[in-house]
Structure formats: structure tokens, C-alpha cells
């Protein structure tokens, strides 16, 4: 009915299990070449063609279309990497070792039982980025909630020059944080057993680790990482519904990842032992060991079933999880960046200093 509406094709491409026909590719190529179409339609067609050529293992054509899609969209959005650096530096200044030393023994806003888990995925919203959903699904059905960043940003008072949260201020108002807690409870109540545990895997949480531990000191925070090249290029191939404006340029994407690493190093320094780092490739190589490690950190008992994904096809709406053993579901996402060779040399140069120490077969 609307053949020029590129988002329809991209929605199909984003199903992971869908494959375009040769006729589909011809149709999308024709639409992409039509300069009279709105730019957002052409962006969707370009991303869809990238996925189509990638499925056919034509990686040169795939990269060309991914690059075109990102270039067109980047020209329509505003992103300032300098402001990103300033914001992260401000977080390090506020949530310092001295800050947490002063707060030692303070109850925080909510002294809840340790039933809240935060996923901090390195640019890793979901497959094919850091595949954090596949890690946290061993705990609960994870979702992404914007509440934490909204609450934190709502505490900023620009008229008096106060940033979140002023070190000298009273504890964060409970009513603002209660919005987040009540939201998670309502979602947990919808499960069959009124699940007592909840996972918020919003990727932007990484910047708010200090804030989270201030208002929810019992929260368990997991830093799920994938190889930086797979993580970043996975973002570059994805057209996000909103936000994540740093993902549409390879240089900006690489620089953002370095910012992420620097901030996570800070949290490790000021909150020693309170953030568990999980490497995706190690999960693929030895699922049970990593699951046991995650559950121990979350103070949860080990159950054999946790290492198996359900065979129910409704496990994930967008086709990311298919019927079969868990290991088979995730093993195909390792080292995918290497298929693109020299196209990613510039990104590799930026990220190489933070490559993880993995066995040669996984690096």
C-alpha cells in the first residue's frame, strides 16, 4: 500500500530471521536511488539493503550501504562529542571516592532487598551489539527503562547552577525515585509468579552507576561487554528508533566507546567489587561457568534450567532467540566484525588499546 515507506522494509530486516528476495533487493535499490523520496525513507532502505547484502555474504556491498545510511542520517541529527566528554567528567567529579566515603553507612533513598539488577551493556543495547539480553535472560526478562536518566536529569537545577546530584544537598527526594521502583514492581507483577527480581538493561545506565548506587545501594550492577569491534560495528549497522546519536559515525562511535571504558574504570575505582564485568565471548565459550558467576554475584542460587533458553518461539518477539540450545543461539555473534576487513581499519585503530585480553580464537 505504501511502497516508498522504507521503515516497513527495515522492520523486516530487523527481524533477524527474515531474508529478502532478489526482487526485494531490486525494489529497495530502485527506491534508494530516488532522490525525491524523504531522507528518512532512503535511510531505512539503505540500512535494509546493508542487511540483505550481509545475509548474502557480500560484505563490500553491505558496508557501502551501511555507511551510506549512517551518513545520510548523521546529517539530520545533532550530536556533540565534546558535551559527552564534559557530562562524563562531571559524573566523575560528583561521584568521587570522597563522595562515597562520606556516604558510608548512609541508608540511601531506598534500602530495598537486593532484588534490582542493572545491566550496563557497552553500547550493547541488544544483539548484535553486546547481546546483554541473552545474558540477563538467565535472571529475568530484561527491559530498557528510561527512568533512571530522567530522574537524574530532573534533579539538575540550571537556574542555580546545580548538577545531579549536588554533593551538599539532602538525599534525593523519595517521590522521584519511587516512580522508578513502582514502575518495576508493576512490570514484575505481570509475570506468572510476581517475579521478585527485575533487570533494567537500559544501555545509558553506565553513566549513572554512581547515582544508582547512591539511591539503591543494594542494586546489583552488571557490566556486559562484547569485543569492542563487534559492539561498535553492531551499533553502526543498527538504525535506532530514537537517541543513541553517537552511533552514526565510526570515529564518533569509537571515541564514545573509549569514554565508556574510562567511566567504567572510574566506577571500578570508587565502587570496588560492586560492578560485575561479564565478557560475552566468555559466556559463549563456557556458559555454565559464567552463569554461576553472575548468579553468585546476584546472591541467587544456581539452577540447571538457567543455562537453557526456552524452546518457546515467543521468547523474543523480534526473532533474536530461536528454538534450540542457548549456546547455539549466541555462538554466531562472535568476531563478526572480521568479515568486513579493511573497511573497519579506522575503527580498529581507535579501539585497539581497549581490546579485551581474550584467547586468539576469540579476539
Foldseek 3Di string as FASTA:
>chain_A
DCLLQLVVLLLQLLLVPHADDPVRLVSLVVSLPPPVRDLVSNLSSLLSNLSNCVVVLVNVSNVVSLLVSLVSVLVVDDDDVVVVLVLLVVLCVQLDLVLVVVCVPPCALDADAQQEEEEAELLPLDPPALNVQLVCVLPPREEADPLVVVLQQVCADVVVRAHRDRSPDDGRDNVSVVVVVVVQQVVLCPDPVSDSHYYHYHNVCLSCPSVCCRRHVSYAYEYGYEFLLSNLVRLSSDDDPDDPSQNSDLVSSLVVSVSSVVSVVRCCVSPPPRYHYHYSLVCLVPVVVRSVVVCVSSVHDDDPCSQADDQPCVSDDSNLDHGDGSSVSPVVSAPPSVSNPPVCVVNCVSCVVPGDDDPPVRD
